[in-house]
PDB file of N, CA and C in Angstrom:
ATOM      1  N   MET A   1     -37.412  58.190  63.348  1.00  0.00           N
ATOM      2  CA  MET A   1     -38.392  58.524  62.325  1.00  0.00           C
ATOM      3  C   MET A   1     -38.288  59.996  61.915  1.00  0.00           C
ATOM      4  N   THR A   2     -38.067  60.846  62.900  1.00  0.00           N
ATOM      5  CA  THR A   2     -37.957  62.268  62.587  1.00  0.00           C
ATOM      6  C   THR A   2     -36.832  62.518  61.593  1.00  0.00           C
ATOM      7  N   ARG A   3     -35.715  61.804  61.755  1.00  0.00           N
ATOM      8  CA  ARG A   3     -34.564  61.970  60.861  1.00  0.00           C
ATOM      9  C   ARG A   3     -34.951  61.642  59.420  1.00  0.00           C
ATOM     10  N   ILE A   4     -35.823  60.663  59.245  1.00  0.00           N
ATOM     11  CA  ILE A   4     -36.251  60.269  57.901  1.00  0.00           C
ATOM     12  C   ILE A   4     -37.287  61.249  57.348  1.00  0.00           C
ATOM     13  N   TYR A   5     -38.251  61.634  58.183  1.00  0.00           N
ATOM     14  CA  TYR A   5     -39.359  62.468  57.708  1.00  0.00           C
ATOM     15  C   TYR A   5     -39.001  63.944  57.555  1.00  0.00           C
ATOM     16  N   ARG A   6     -38.145  64.477  58.426  1.00  0.00           N
ATOM     17  CA  ARG A   6     -37.891  65.925  58.419  1.00  0.00           C
ATOM     18  C   ARG A   6     -37.483  66.460  57.049  1.00  0.00           C
ATOM     19  N   PRO A   7     -36.499  65.842  56.359  1.00  0.00           N
ATOM     20  CA  PRO A   7     -36.117  66.405  55.051  1.00  0.00           C
ATOM     21  C   PRO A   7     -37.241  66.351  54.014  1.00  0.00           C
ATOM     22  N   LEU A   8     -38.190  65.457  54.207  1.00  0.00           N
ATOM     23  CA  LEU A   8     -39.311  65.344  53.271  1.00  0.00           C
ATOM     24  C   LEU A   8     -40.435  66.312  53.615  1.00  0.00           C
ATOM     25  N   LEU A   9     -40.608  66.593  54.913  1.00  0.00           N
ATOM     26  CA  LEU A   9     -41.710  67.449  55.352  1.00  0.00           C
ATOM     27  C   LEU A   9     -41.327  68.922  55.443  1.00  0.00           C
ATOM     28  N   ASP A  10     -40.049  69.213  55.698  1.00  0.00           N
ATOM     29  CA  ASP A  10     -39.622  70.618  55.799  1.00  0.00           C
ATOM     30  C   ASP A  10     -39.997  71.442  54.565  1.00  0.00           C
ATOM     31  N   PRO A  11     -39.792  70.926  53.343  1.00  0.00           N
ATOM     32  CA  PRO A  11     -40.182  71.723  52.173  1.00  0.00           C
ATOM     33  C   PRO A  11     -41.691  72.009  52.113  1.00  0.00           C
ATOM     34  N   LEU A  12     -42.479  71.167  52.779  1.00  0.00           N
ATOM     35  CA  LEU A  12     -43.928  71.379  52.814  1.00  0.00           C
ATOM     36  C   LEU A  12     -44.330  72.284  53.973  1.00  0.00           C
ATOM     37  N   GLY A  13     -43.372  72.602  54.843  1.00  0.00           N
ATOM     38  CA  GLY A  13     -43.662  73.433  56.005  1.00  0.00           C
ATOM     39  C   GLY A  13     -44.408  72.686  57.091  1.00  0.00           C
ATOM     40  N   LEU A  14     -44.225  71.364  57.161  1.00  0.00           N
ATOM     41  CA  LEU A  14     -44.964  70.533  58.111  1.00  0.00           C
ATOM     42  C   LEU A  14     -44.034  69.815  59.074  1.00  0.00           C
ATOM     43  N   THR A  15     -44.535  69.610  60.294  1.00  0.00           N
ATOM     44  CA  THR A  15     -43.881  68.706  61.230  1.00  0.00           C
ATOM     45  C   THR A  15     -44.505  67.324  61.046  1.00  0.00           C
ATOM     46  N   TYR A  16     -43.895  66.314  61.655  1.00  0.00           N
ATOM     47  CA  TYR A  16     -44.444  64.962  61.537  1.00  0.00           C
ATOM     48  C   TYR A  16     -45.858  64.893  62.125  1.00  0.00           C
ATOM     49  N   LEU A  17     -46.088  65.506  63.296  1.00  0.00           N
ATOM     50  CA  LEU A  17     -47.429  65.469  63.894  1.00  0.00           C
ATOM     51  C   LEU A  17     -48.453  66.182  63.017  1.00  0.00           C
ATOM     52  N   GLN A  18     -48.071  67.309  62.433  1.00  0.00           N
ATOM     53  CA  GLN A  18     -48.984  68.003  61.523  1.00  0.00           C
ATOM     54  C   GLN A  18     -49.300  67.124  60.318  1.00  0.00           C
ATOM     55  N   TYR A  19     -48.296  66.444  59.828  1.00  0.00           N
ATOM     56  CA  TYR A  19     -48.469  65.555  58.676  1.00  0.00           C
ATOM     57  C   TYR A  19     -49.460  64.435  58.987  1.00  0.00           C
ATOM     58  N   ILE A  20     -49.310  63.764  60.143  1.00  0.00           N
ATOM     59  CA  ILE A  20     -50.238  62.663  60.432  1.00  0.00           C
ATOM     60  C   ILE A  20     -51.650  63.174  60.706  1.00  0.00           C
ATOM     61  N   ALA A  21     -51.761  64.380  61.284  1.00  0.00           N
ATOM     62  CA  ALA A  21     -53.091  64.970  61.469  1.00  0.00           C
ATOM     63  C   ALA A  21     -53.729  65.255  60.109  1.00  0.00           C
ATOM     64  N   LEU A  22     -52.950  65.783  59.186  1.00  0.00           N
ATOM     65  CA  LEU A  22     -53.473  66.049  57.846  1.00  0.00           C
ATOM     66  C   LEU A  22     -53.840  64.758  57.125  1.00  0.00           C
ATOM     67  N   LEU A  23     -53.046  63.708  57.296  1.00  0.00           N
ATOM     68  CA  LEU A  23     -53.394  62.424  56.677  1.00  0.00           C
ATOM     69  C   LEU A  23     -54.785  61.977  57.114  1.00  0.00           C
ATOM     70  N   ALA A  24     -55.072  62.105  58.404  1.00  0.00           N
ATOM     71  CA  ALA A  24     -56.388  61.716  58.922  1.00  0.00           C
ATOM     72  C   ALA A  24     -57.485  62.601  58.342  1.00  0.00           C
ATOM     73  N   LEU A  25     -57.205  63.882  58.203  1.00  0.00           N
ATOM     74  CA  LEU A  25     -58.209  64.799  57.663  1.00  0.00           C
ATOM     75  C   LEU A  25     -58.361  64.665  56.152  1.00  0.00           C
ATOM     76  N   TRP A  26     -57.299  64.337  55.449  1.00  0.00           N
ATOM     77  CA  TRP A  26     -57.422  64.104  54.007  1.00  0.00           C
ATOM     78  C   TRP A  26     -58.261  62.860  53.748  1.00  0.00           C
ATOM     79  N   GLU A  27     -58.224  61.922  54.668  1.00  0.00           N
ATOM     80  CA  GLU A  27     -59.059  60.725  54.555  1.00  0.00           C
ATOM     81  C   GLU A  27     -60.532  61.082  54.699  1.00  0.00           C
ATOM     82  N   ARG A  28     -60.817  61.961  55.690  1.00  0.00           N
ATOM     83  CA  ARG A  28     -62.199  62.388  55.926  1.00  0.00           C
ATOM     84  C   ARG A  28     -62.187  63.696  56.702  1.00  0.00           C
ATOM     85  N   ALA A  29     -62.810  64.694  56.131  1.00  0.00           N
ATOM     86  CA  ALA A  29     -62.937  65.984  56.805  1.00  0.00           C
ATOM     87  C   ALA A  29     -64.339  66.513  56.537  1.00  0.00           C
ATOM     88  N   PRO A  30     -64.901  67.204  57.498  1.00  0.00           N
ATOM     89  CA  PRO A  30     -64.362  67.530  58.816  1.00  0.00           C
ATOM     90  C   PRO A  30     -64.496  66.361  59.797  1.00  0.00           C
ATOM     91  N   GLN A  31     -63.778  66.485  60.909  1.00  0.00           N
ATOM     92  CA  GLN A  31     -63.873  65.540  62.017  1.00  0.00           C
ATOM     93  C   GLN A  31     -63.839  66.326  63.320  1.00  0.00           C
ATOM     94  N   THR A  32     -64.373  65.720  64.374  1.00  0.00           N
ATOM     95  CA  THR A  32     -64.292  66.354  65.682  1.00  0.00           C
ATOM     96  C   THR A  32     -62.926  66.072  66.290  1.00  0.00           C
ATOM     97  N   VAL A  33     -62.573  66.875  67.283  1.00  0.00           N
ATOM     98  CA  VAL A  33     -61.319  66.641  67.996  1.00  0.00           C
ATOM     99  C   VAL A  33     -61.331  65.240  68.603  1.00  0.00           C
ATOM    100  N   GLY A  34     -62.473  64.810  69.136  1.00  0.00           N
ATOM    101  CA  GLY A  34     -62.576  63.470  69.724  1.00  0.00           C
ATOM    102  C   GLY A  34     -62.311  62.368  68.713  1.00  0.00           C
ATOM    103  N   GLU A  35     -62.846  62.517  67.514  1.00  0.00           N
ATOM    104  CA  GLU A  35     -62.606  61.515  66.468  1.00  0.00           C
ATOM    105  C   GLU A  35     -61.125  61.467  66.090  1.00  0.00           C
ATOM    106  N   LEU A  36     -60.524  62.638  65.968  1.00  0.00           N
ATOM    107  CA  LEU A  36     -59.102  62.693  65.620  1.00  0.00           C
ATOM    108  C   LEU A  36     -58.235  62.162  66.759  1.00  0.00           C
ATOM    109  N   ARG A  37     -58.637  62.450  67.996  1.00  0.00           N
ATOM    110  CA  ARG A  37     -57.898  61.931  69.150  1.00  0.00           C
ATOM    111  C   ARG A  37     -57.873  60.408  69.106  1.00  0.00           C
ATOM    112  N   GLN A  38     -59.018  59.806  68.827  1.00  0.00           N
ATOM    113  CA  GLN A  38     -59.106  58.349  68.763  1.00  0.00           C
ATOM    114  C   GLN A  38     -58.305  57.804  67.574  1.00  0.00           C
ATOM    115  N   LYS A  39     -58.450  58.419  66.430  1.00  0.00           N
ATOM    116  CA  LYS A  39     -57.767  57.935  65.221  1.00  0.00           C
ATOM    117  C   LYS A  39     -56.247  58.036  65.344  1.00  0.00           C
ATOM    118  N   LEU A  40     -55.769  59.145  65.913  1.00  0.00           N
ATOM    119  CA  LEU A  40     -54.332  59.389  65.989  1.00  0.00           C
ATOM    120  C   LEU A  40     -53.694  58.799  67.242  1.00  0.00           C
ATOM    121  N   GLY A  41     -54.519  58.461  68.232  1.00  0.00           N
ATOM    122  CA  GLY A  41     -53.984  57.915  69.475  1.00  0.00           C
ATOM    123  C   GLY A  41     -53.224  58.949  70.289  1.00  0.00           C
ATOM    124  N   LEU A  42     -53.619  60.216  70.166  1.00  0.00           N
ATOM    125  CA  LEU A  42     -52.971  61.300  70.900  1.00  0.00           C
ATOM    126  C   LEU A  42     -53.971  61.927  71.856  1.00  0.00           C
ATOM    127  N   ASP A  43     -53.483  62.486  72.963  1.00  0.00           N
ATOM    128  CA  ASP A  43     -54.390  63.084  73.940  1.00  0.00           C
ATOM    129  C   ASP A  43     -54.654  64.556  73.621  1.00  0.00           C
ATOM    130  N   SER A  44     -55.638  65.117  74.316  1.00  0.00           N
ATOM    131  CA  SER A  44     -56.024  66.515  74.083  1.00  0.00           C
ATOM    132  C   SER A  44     -54.884  67.476  74.376  1.00  0.00           C
ATOM    133  N   GLY A  45     -54.046  67.131  75.361  1.00  0.00           N
ATOM    134  CA  GLY A  45     -52.912  67.981  75.702  1.00  0.00           C
ATOM    135  C   GLY A  45     -51.912  68.112  74.566  1.00  0.00           C
ATOM    136  N   THR A  46     -51.892  67.136  73.683  1.00  0.00           N
ATOM    137  CA  THR A  46     -51.030  67.191  72.497  1.00  0.00           C
ATOM    138  C   THR A  46     -51.772  67.822  71.325  1.00  0.00           C
ATOM    139  N   LEU A  47     -53.044  67.441  71.158  1.00  0.00           N
ATOM    140  CA  LEU A  47     -53.794  67.894  69.983  1.00  0.00           C
ATOM    141  C   LEU A  47     -54.178  69.367  70.032  1.00  0.00           C
ATOM    142  N   THR A  48     -54.575  69.870  71.199  1.00  0.00           N
ATOM    143  CA  THR A  48     -55.030  71.259  71.270  1.00  0.00           C
ATOM    144  C   THR A  48     -53.954  72.235  70.800  1.00  0.00           C
ATOM    145  N   PRO A  49     -52.719  72.172  71.345  1.00  0.00           N
ATOM    146  CA  PRO A  49     -51.705  73.102  70.821  1.00  0.00           C
ATOM    147  C   PRO A  49     -51.328  72.822  69.362  1.00  0.00           C
ATOM    148  N   LEU A  50     -51.366  71.552  68.970  1.00  0.00           N
ATOM    149  CA  LEU A  50     -51.076  71.202  67.575  1.00  0.00           C
ATOM    150  C   LEU A  50     -52.084  71.868  66.647  1.00  0.00           C
ATOM    151  N   PHE A  51     -53.374  71.740  66.965  1.00  0.00           N
ATOM    152  CA  PHE A  51     -54.416  72.320  66.122  1.00  0.00           C
ATOM    153  C   PHE A  51     -54.359  73.850  66.138  1.00  0.00           C
ATOM    154  N   LYS A  52     -53.998  74.440  67.280  1.00  0.00           N
ATOM    155  CA  LYS A  52     -53.855  75.901  67.332  1.00  0.00           C
ATOM    156  C   LYS A  52     -52.755  76.369  66.382  1.00  0.00           C
ATOM    157  N   ARG A  53     -51.608  75.665  66.403  1.00  0.00           N
ATOM    158  CA  ARG A  53     -50.507  76.035  65.500  1.00  0.00           C
ATOM    159  C   ARG A  53     -50.908  75.836  64.040  1.00  0.00           C
ATOM    160  N   MET A  54     -51.615  74.749  63.766  1.00  0.00           N
ATOM    161  CA  MET A  54     -52.035  74.480  62.389  1.00  0.00           C
ATOM    162  C   MET A  54     -53.058  75.506  61.918  1.00  0.00           C
ATOM    163  N   GLU A  55     -53.923  75.950  62.821  1.00  0.00           N
ATOM    164  CA  GLU A  55     -54.883  76.988  62.466  1.00  0.00           C
ATOM    165  C   GLU A  55     -54.144  78.301  62.179  1.00  0.00           C
ATOM    166  N   SER A  56     -53.166  78.631  63.021  1.00  0.00           N
ATOM    167  CA  SER A  56     -52.370  79.853  62.804  1.00  0.00           C
ATOM    168  C   SER A  56     -51.611  79.803  61.482  1.00  0.00           C
ATOM    169  N   ALA A  57     -51.211  78.596  61.074  1.00  0.00           N
ATOM    170  CA  ALA A  57     -50.492  78.418  59.805  1.00  0.00           C
ATOM    171  C   ALA A  57     -51.435  78.387  58.609  1.00  0.00           C
ATOM    172  N   GLY A  58     -52.739  78.472  58.864  1.00  0.00           N
ATOM    173  CA  GLY A  58     -53.708  78.486  57.774  1.00  0.00           C
ATOM    174  C   GLY A  58     -54.026  77.122  57.198  1.00  0.00           C
ATOM    175  N   LEU A  59     -53.744  76.053  57.969  1.00  0.00           N
ATOM    176  CA  LEU A  59     -53.970  74.696  57.466  1.00  0.00           C
ATOM    177  C   LEU A  59     -55.339  74.137  57.815  1.00  0.00           C
ATOM    178  N   LEU A  60     -55.939  74.624  58.895  1.00  0.00           N
ATOM    179  CA  LEU A  60     -57.242  74.100  59.293  1.00  0.00           C
ATOM    180  C   LEU A  60     -58.041  75.161  60.021  1.00  0.00           C
ATOM    181  N   THR A  61     -59.312  74.847  60.186  1.00  0.00           N
ATOM    182  CA  THR A  61     -60.201  75.705  60.967  1.00  0.00           C
ATOM    183  C   THR A  61     -60.730  74.892  62.138  1.00  0.00           C
ATOM    184  N   ARG A  62     -60.976  75.594  63.238  1.00  0.00           N
ATOM    185  CA  ARG A  62     -61.585  74.981  64.419  1.00  0.00           C
ATOM    186  C   ARG A  62     -62.862  75.754  64.715  1.00  0.00           C
ATOM    187  N   THR A  63     -63.987  75.037  64.730  1.00  0.00           N
ATOM    188  CA  THR A  63     -65.265  75.682  65.030  1.00  0.00           C
ATOM    189  C   THR A  63     -66.039  74.833  66.024  1.00  0.00           C
ATOM    190  N   ARG A  64     -66.845  75.485  66.824  1.00  0.00           N
ATOM    191  CA  ARG A  64     -67.720  74.780  67.758  1.00  0.00           C
ATOM    192  C   ARG A  64     -68.876  74.167  66.984  1.00  0.00           C
ATOM    193  N   ASP A  65     -69.248  72.964  67.379  1.00  0.00           N
ATOM    194  CA  ASP A  65     -70.391  72.282  66.773  1.00  0.00           C
ATOM    195  C   ASP A  65     -71.655  73.011  67.212  1.00  0.00           C
ATOM    196  N   PRO A  66     -72.453  73.528  66.274  1.00  0.00           N
ATOM    197  CA  PRO A  66     -73.668  74.253  66.661  1.00  0.00           C
ATOM    198  C   PRO A  66     -74.659  73.367  67.421  1.00  0.00           C
ATOM    199  N   ALA A  67     -74.627  72.064  67.170  1.00  0.00           N
ATOM    200  CA  ALA A  67     -75.538  71.142  67.855  1.00  0.00           C
ATOM    201  C   ALA A  67     -75.059  70.803  69.263  1.00  0.00           C
ATOM    202  N   ASP A  68     -73.761  70.953  69.526  1.00  0.00           N
ATOM    203  CA  ASP A  68     -73.190  70.636  70.831  1.00  0.00           C
ATOM    204  C   ASP A  68     -71.933  71.482  71.008  1.00  0.00           C
ATOM    205  N   GLU A  69     -72.078  72.581  71.722  1.00  0.00           N
ATOM    206  CA  GLU A  69     -70.987  73.549  71.884  1.00  0.00           C
ATOM    207  C   GLU A  69     -69.732  72.953  72.524  1.00  0.00           C
ATOM    208  N   ARG A  70     -69.844  71.786  73.152  1.00  0.00           N
ATOM    209  CA  ARG A  70     -68.672  71.156  73.771  1.00  0.00           C
ATOM    210  C   ARG A  70     -67.751  70.540  72.725  1.00  0.00           C
ATOM    211  N   ARG A  71     -68.288  70.253  71.572  1.00  0.00           N
ATOM    212  CA  ARG A  71     -67.501  69.593  70.516  1.00  0.00           C
ATOM    213  C   ARG A  71     -66.862  70.628  69.600  1.00  0.00           C
ATOM    214  N   VAL A  72     -65.609  70.379  69.241  1.00  0.00           N
ATOM    215  CA  VAL A  72     -64.889  71.249  68.306  1.00  0.00           C
ATOM    216  C   VAL A  72     -64.691  70.470  67.011  1.00  0.00           C
ATOM    217  N   ILE A  73     -65.044  71.110  65.912  1.00  0.00           N
ATOM    218  CA  ILE A  73     -64.932  70.488  64.591  1.00  0.00           C
ATOM    219  C   ILE A  73     -63.687  71.037  63.895  1.00  0.00           C
ATOM    220  N   ILE A  74     -62.880  70.116  63.394  1.00  0.00           N
ATOM    221  CA  ILE A  74     -61.655  70.468  62.678  1.00  0.00           C
ATOM    222  C   ILE A  74     -61.892  70.221  61.191  1.00  0.00           C
ATOM    223  N   ASP A  75     -61.593  71.232  60.379  1.00  0.00           N
ATOM    224  CA  ASP A  75     -61.747  71.081  58.930  1.00  0.00           C
ATOM    225  C   ASP A  75     -60.509  71.631  58.224  1.00  0.00           C
ATOM    226  N   LEU A  76     -60.298  71.163  57.024  1.00  0.00           N
ATOM    227  CA  LEU A  76     -59.158  71.584  56.208  1.00  0.00           C
ATOM    228  C   LEU A  76     -59.433  72.916  55.525  1.00  0.00           C
ATOM    229  N   THR A  77     -58.381  73.672  55.330  1.00  0.00           N
ATOM    230  CA  THR A  77     -58.464  74.870  54.500  1.00  0.00           C
ATOM    231  C   THR A  77     -58.006  74.501  53.085  1.00  0.00           C
ATOM    232  N   ASP A  78     -58.200  75.423  52.163  1.00  0.00           N
ATOM    233  CA  ASP A  78     -57.713  75.192  50.796  1.00  0.00           C
ATOM    234  C   ASP A  78     -56.198  75.000  50.786  1.00  0.00           C
ATOM    235  N   LYS A  79     -55.494  75.727  51.645  1.00  0.00           N
ATOM    236  CA  LYS A  79     -54.033  75.595  51.721  1.00  0.00           C
ATOM    237  C   LYS A  79     -53.648  74.150  52.055  1.00  0.00           C
ATOM    238  N   ALA A  80     -54.345  73.537  53.016  1.00  0.00           N
ATOM    239  CA  ALA A  80     -54.053  72.145  53.396  1.00  0.00           C
ATOM    240  C   ALA A  80     -54.437  71.189  52.274  1.00  0.00           C
ATOM    241  N   ARG A  81     -55.551  71.455  51.625  1.00  0.00           N
ATOM    242  CA  ARG A  81     -55.964  70.590  50.506  1.00  0.00           C
ATOM    243  C   ARG A  81     -54.935  70.638  49.376  1.00  0.00           C
ATOM    244  N   ASP A  82     -54.366  71.822  49.164  1.00  0.00           N
ATOM    245  CA  ASP A  82     -53.362  71.982  48.106  1.00  0.00           C
ATOM    246  C   ASP A  82     -52.059  71.233  48.409  1.00  0.00           C
ATOM    247  N   LEU A  83     -51.776  70.978  49.677  1.00  0.00           N
ATOM    248  CA  LEU A  83     -50.562  70.249  50.066  1.00  0.00           C
ATOM    249  C   LEU A  83     -50.680  68.744  49.846  1.00  0.00           C
ATOM    250  N   ARG A  84     -51.892  68.268  49.690  1.00  0.00           N
ATOM    251  CA  ARG A  84     -52.125  66.824  49.673  1.00  0.00           C
ATOM    252  C   ARG A  84     -51.301  66.092  48.608  1.00  0.00           C
ATOM    253  N   GLU A  85     -51.312  66.582  47.402  1.00  0.00           N
ATOM    254  CA  GLU A  85     -50.619  65.870  46.325  1.00  0.00           C
ATOM    255  C   GLU A  85     -49.123  65.731  46.622  1.00  0.00           C
ATOM    256  N   ALA A  86     -48.498  66.818  47.052  1.00  0.00           N
ATOM    257  CA  ALA A  86     -47.067  66.762  47.374  1.00  0.00           C
ATOM    258  C   ALA A  86     -46.809  65.841  48.562  1.00  0.00           C
ATOM    259  N   ALA A  87     -47.695  65.862  49.538  1.00  0.00           N
ATOM    260  CA  ALA A  87     -47.515  65.041  50.739  1.00  0.00           C
ATOM    261  C   ALA A  87     -47.715  63.557  50.459  1.00  0.00           C
ATOM    262  N   MET A  88     -48.459  63.224  49.413  1.00  0.00           N
ATOM    263  CA  MET A  88     -48.694  61.812  49.097  1.00  0.00           C
ATOM    264  C   MET A  88     -47.423  61.119  48.594  1.00  0.00           C
ATOM    265  N   ALA A  89     -46.419  61.891  48.222  1.00  0.00           N
ATOM    266  CA  ALA A  89     -45.146  61.299  47.792  1.00  0.00           C
ATOM    267  C   ALA A  89     -44.267  60.909  48.978  1.00  0.00           C
ATOM    268  N   VAL A  90     -44.598  61.399  50.169  1.00  0.00           N
ATOM    269  CA  VAL A  90     -43.757  61.161  51.346  1.00  0.00           C
ATOM    270  C   VAL A  90     -43.644  59.678  51.699  1.00  0.00           C
ATOM    271  N   PRO A  91     -44.744  58.915  51.797  1.00  0.00           N
ATOM    272  CA  PRO A  91     -44.588  57.497  52.175  1.00  0.00           C
ATOM    273  C   PRO A  91     -43.679  56.713  51.228  1.00  0.00           C
ATOM    274  N   GLY A  92     -43.790  56.946  49.947  1.00  0.00           N
ATOM    275  CA  GLY A  92     -42.933  56.248  48.992  1.00  0.00           C
ATOM    276  C   GLY A  92     -41.469  56.603  49.178  1.00  0.00           C
ATOM    277  N   SER A  93     -41.205  57.875  49.467  1.00  0.00           N
ATOM    278  CA  SER A  93     -39.827  58.306  49.707  1.00  0.00           C
ATOM    279  C   SER A  93     -39.268  57.676  50.976  1.00  0.00           C
ATOM    280  N   VAL A  94     -40.100  57.586  52.007  1.00  0.00           N
ATOM    281  CA  VAL A  94     -39.675  56.944  53.259  1.00  0.00           C
ATOM    282  C   VAL A  94     -39.392  55.471  53.002  1.00  0.00           C
ATOM    283  N   PHE A  95     -40.284  54.823  52.290  1.00  0.00           N
ATOM    284  CA  PHE A  95     -40.147  53.392  51.988  1.00  0.00           C
ATOM    285  C   PHE A  95     -38.827  53.114  51.270  1.00  0.00           C
ATOM    286  N   CYS A  96     -38.450  53.992  50.346  1.00  0.00           N
ATOM    287  CA  CYS A  96     -37.207  53.814  49.581  1.00  0.00           C
ATOM    288  C   CYS A  96     -35.961  53.967  50.445  1.00  0.00           C
ATOM    289  N   GLN A  97     -36.091  54.645  51.577  1.00  0.00           N
ATOM    290  CA  GLN A  97     -34.942  54.854  52.455  1.00  0.00           C
ATOM    291  C   GLN A  97     -34.731  53.720  53.451  1.00  0.00           C
ATOM    292  N   LEU A  98     -35.679  52.798  53.541  1.00  0.00           N
ATOM    293  CA  LEU A  98     -35.552  51.706  54.500  1.00  0.00           C
ATOM    294  C   LEU A  98     -34.426  50.765  54.094  1.00  0.00           C
ATOM    295  N   PRO A  99     -33.622  50.331  55.078  1.00  0.00           N
ATOM    296  CA  PRO A  99     -32.509  49.434  54.760  1.00  0.00           C
ATOM    297  C   PRO A  99     -32.950  47.969  54.710  1.00  0.00           C
ATOM    298  N   LEU A 100     -34.042  47.716  54.006  1.00  0.00           N
ATOM    299  CA  LEU A 100     -34.592  46.364  53.883  1.00  0.00           C
ATOM    300  C   LEU A 100     -34.968  46.098  52.436  1.00  0.00           C
ATOM    301  N   PRO A 101     -34.902  44.845  52.012  1.00  0.00           N
ATOM    302  CA  PRO A 101     -35.456  44.519  50.691  1.00  0.00           C
ATOM    303  C   PRO A 101     -36.954  44.836  50.680  1.00  0.00           C
ATOM    304  N   ILE A 102     -37.488  45.144  49.516  1.00  0.00           N
ATOM    305  CA  ILE A 102     -38.888  45.555  49.398  1.00  0.00           C
ATOM    306  C   ILE A 102     -39.834  44.533  50.016  1.00  0.00           C
ATOM    307  N   GLY A 103     -39.622  43.253  49.762  1.00  0.00           N
ATOM    308  CA  GLY A 103     -40.499  42.224  50.321  1.00  0.00           C
ATOM    309  C   GLY A 103     -40.486  42.222  51.836  1.00  0.00           C
ATOM    310  N   ASP A 104     -39.312  42.374  52.439  1.00  0.00           N
ATOM    311  CA  ASP A 104     -39.208  42.415  53.899  1.00  0.00           C
ATOM    312  C   ASP A 104     -39.889  43.658  54.458  1.00  0.00           C
ATOM    313  N   ALA A 105     -39.697  44.795  53.789  1.00  0.00           N
ATOM    314  CA  ALA A 105     -40.318  46.037  54.248  1.00  0.00           C
ATOM    315  C   ALA A 105     -41.837  45.937  54.170  1.00  0.00           C
ATOM    316  N   ALA A 106     -42.362  45.333  53.112  1.00  0.00           N
ATOM    317  CA  ALA A 106     -43.814  45.165  52.977  1.00  0.00           C
ATOM    318  C   ALA A 106     -44.342  44.228  54.057  1.00  0.00           C
ATOM    319  N   ALA A 107     -43.621  43.147  54.335  1.00  0.00           N
ATOM    320  CA  ALA A 107     -44.036  42.215  55.388  1.00  0.00           C
ATOM    321  C   ALA A 107     -44.013  42.907  56.747  1.00  0.00           C
ATOM    322  N   LEU A 108     -42.988  43.709  56.996  1.00  0.00           N
ATOM    323  CA  LEU A 108     -42.893  44.443  58.254  1.00  0.00           C
ATOM    324  C   LEU A 108     -44.057  45.409  58.399  1.00  0.00           C
ATOM    325  N   LYS A 109     -44.390  46.120  57.331  1.00  0.00           N
ATOM    326  CA  LYS A 109     -45.520  47.054  57.381  1.00  0.00           C
ATOM    327  C   LYS A 109     -46.801  46.317  57.724  1.00  0.00           C
ATOM    328  N   GLY A 110     -47.012  45.149  57.113  1.00  0.00           N
ATOM    329  CA  GLY A 110     -48.198  44.361  57.415  1.00  0.00           C
ATOM    330  C   GLY A 110     -48.256  43.954  58.874  1.00  0.00           C
ATOM    331  N   LEU A 111     -47.133  43.537  59.425  1.00  0.00           N
ATOM    332  CA  LEU A 111     -47.083  43.153  60.839  1.00  0.00           C
ATOM    333  C   LEU A 111     -47.350  44.342  61.752  1.00  0.00           C
ATOM    334  N   VAL A 112     -46.754  45.477  61.440  1.00  0.00           N
ATOM    335  CA  VAL A 112     -46.968  46.671  62.255  1.00  0.00           C
ATOM    336  C   VAL A 112     -48.427  47.110  62.177  1.00  0.00           C
ATOM    337  N   ASP A 113     -49.022  47.076  60.994  1.00  0.00           N
ATOM    338  CA  ASP A 113     -50.438  47.430  60.850  1.00  0.00           C
ATOM    339  C   ASP A 113     -51.311  46.521  61.706  1.00  0.00           C
ATOM    340  N   ARG A 114     -51.028  45.213  61.693  1.00  0.00           N
ATOM    341  CA  ARG A 114     -51.794  44.265  62.511  1.00  0.00           C
ATOM    342  C   ARG A 114     -51.595  44.541  63.995  1.00  0.00           C
ATOM    343  N   LEU A 115     -50.366  44.842  64.398  1.00  0.00           N
ATOM    344  CA  LEU A 115     -50.074  45.148  65.793  1.00  0.00           C
ATOM    345  C   LEU A 115     -50.832  46.390  66.244  1.00  0.00           C
ATOM    346  N   VAL A 116     -50.763  47.442  65.449  1.00  0.00           N
ATOM    347  CA  VAL A 116     -51.445  48.691  65.795  1.00  0.00           C
ATOM    348  C   VAL A 116     -52.949  48.466  65.884  1.00  0.00           C
ATOM    349  N   GLU A 117     -53.513  47.747  64.930  1.00  0.00           N
ATOM    350  CA  GLU A 117     -54.953  47.476  64.948  1.00  0.00           C
ATOM    351  C   GLU A 117     -55.330  46.649  66.173  1.00  0.00           C
ATOM    352  N   GLY A 118     -54.526  45.649  66.507  1.00  0.00           N
ATOM    353  CA  GLY A 118     -54.796  44.841  67.694  1.00  0.00           C
ATOM    354  C   GLY A 118     -54.732  45.654  68.972  1.00  0.00           C
ATOM    355  N   LEU A 119     -53.774  46.548  69.065  1.00  0.00           N
ATOM    356  CA  LEU A 119     -53.680  47.414  70.239  1.00  0.00           C
ATOM    357  C   LEU A 119     -54.855  48.383  70.296  1.00  0.00           C
ATOM    358  N   ARG A 120     -55.254  48.889  69.143  1.00  0.00           N
ATOM    359  CA  ARG A 120     -56.369  49.843  69.092  1.00  0.00           C
ATOM    360  C   ARG A 120     -57.680  49.200  69.501  1.00  0.00           C
ATOM    361  N   THR A 121     -57.917  47.977  69.035  1.00  0.00           N
ATOM    362  CA  THR A 121     -59.195  47.314  69.306  1.00  0.00           C
ATOM    363  C   THR A 121     -59.166  46.466  70.566  1.00  0.00           C
ATOM    364  N   GLY A 122     -57.966  46.210  71.085  1.00  0.00           N
ATOM    365  CA  GLY A 122     -57.861  45.378  72.279  1.00  0.00           C
ATOM    366  C   GLY A 122     -57.964  43.897  71.991  1.00  0.00           C
ATOM    367  N   GLU A 123     -57.885  43.528  70.722  1.00  0.00           N
ATOM    368  CA  GLU A 123     -57.982  42.116  70.356  1.00  0.00           C
ATOM    369  C   GLU A 123     -56.622  41.454  70.495  1.00  0.00           C
ATOM    370  N   GLY A 124     -56.600  40.333  71.198  1.00  0.00           N
ATOM    371  CA  GLY A 124     -55.369  39.565  71.356  1.00  0.00           C
ATOM    372  C   GLY A 124     -55.292  38.475  70.317  1.00  0.00           C
ATOM    373  N   ARG A 125     -54.416  37.522  70.579  1.00  0.00           N
ATOM    374  CA  ARG A 125     -54.235  36.406  69.639  1.00  0.00           C
ATOM    375  C   ARG A 125     -55.417  35.542  69.616  1.00  0.00           C
TER     376      ARG A 125
END
């Protein structure tokens, strides 16, 4: 996957993990680290350094929740919001690189989405 995404994300100055974190935040921001951990399926040991690097790059802010100091709120900066339009072209570019007919690729995506959702919710057959 990195081989496919890198040439598309490098011009945006993003890694694949930064890109998927931004996708979650473009869907809804702000979010807590816990919400993002659940949505992305990544642990704190991965997210904390990721968010620190993204904050240093000016892509997001990290603030303590005034109602609960244990919670950290992640929000987008204007720089990250400005990247959204260019980043929205990435999935289509990836899709075009797949060595499958469009119908097969769409069916595969549907199956993978169902698999991921089933694993996330714990629902079996």
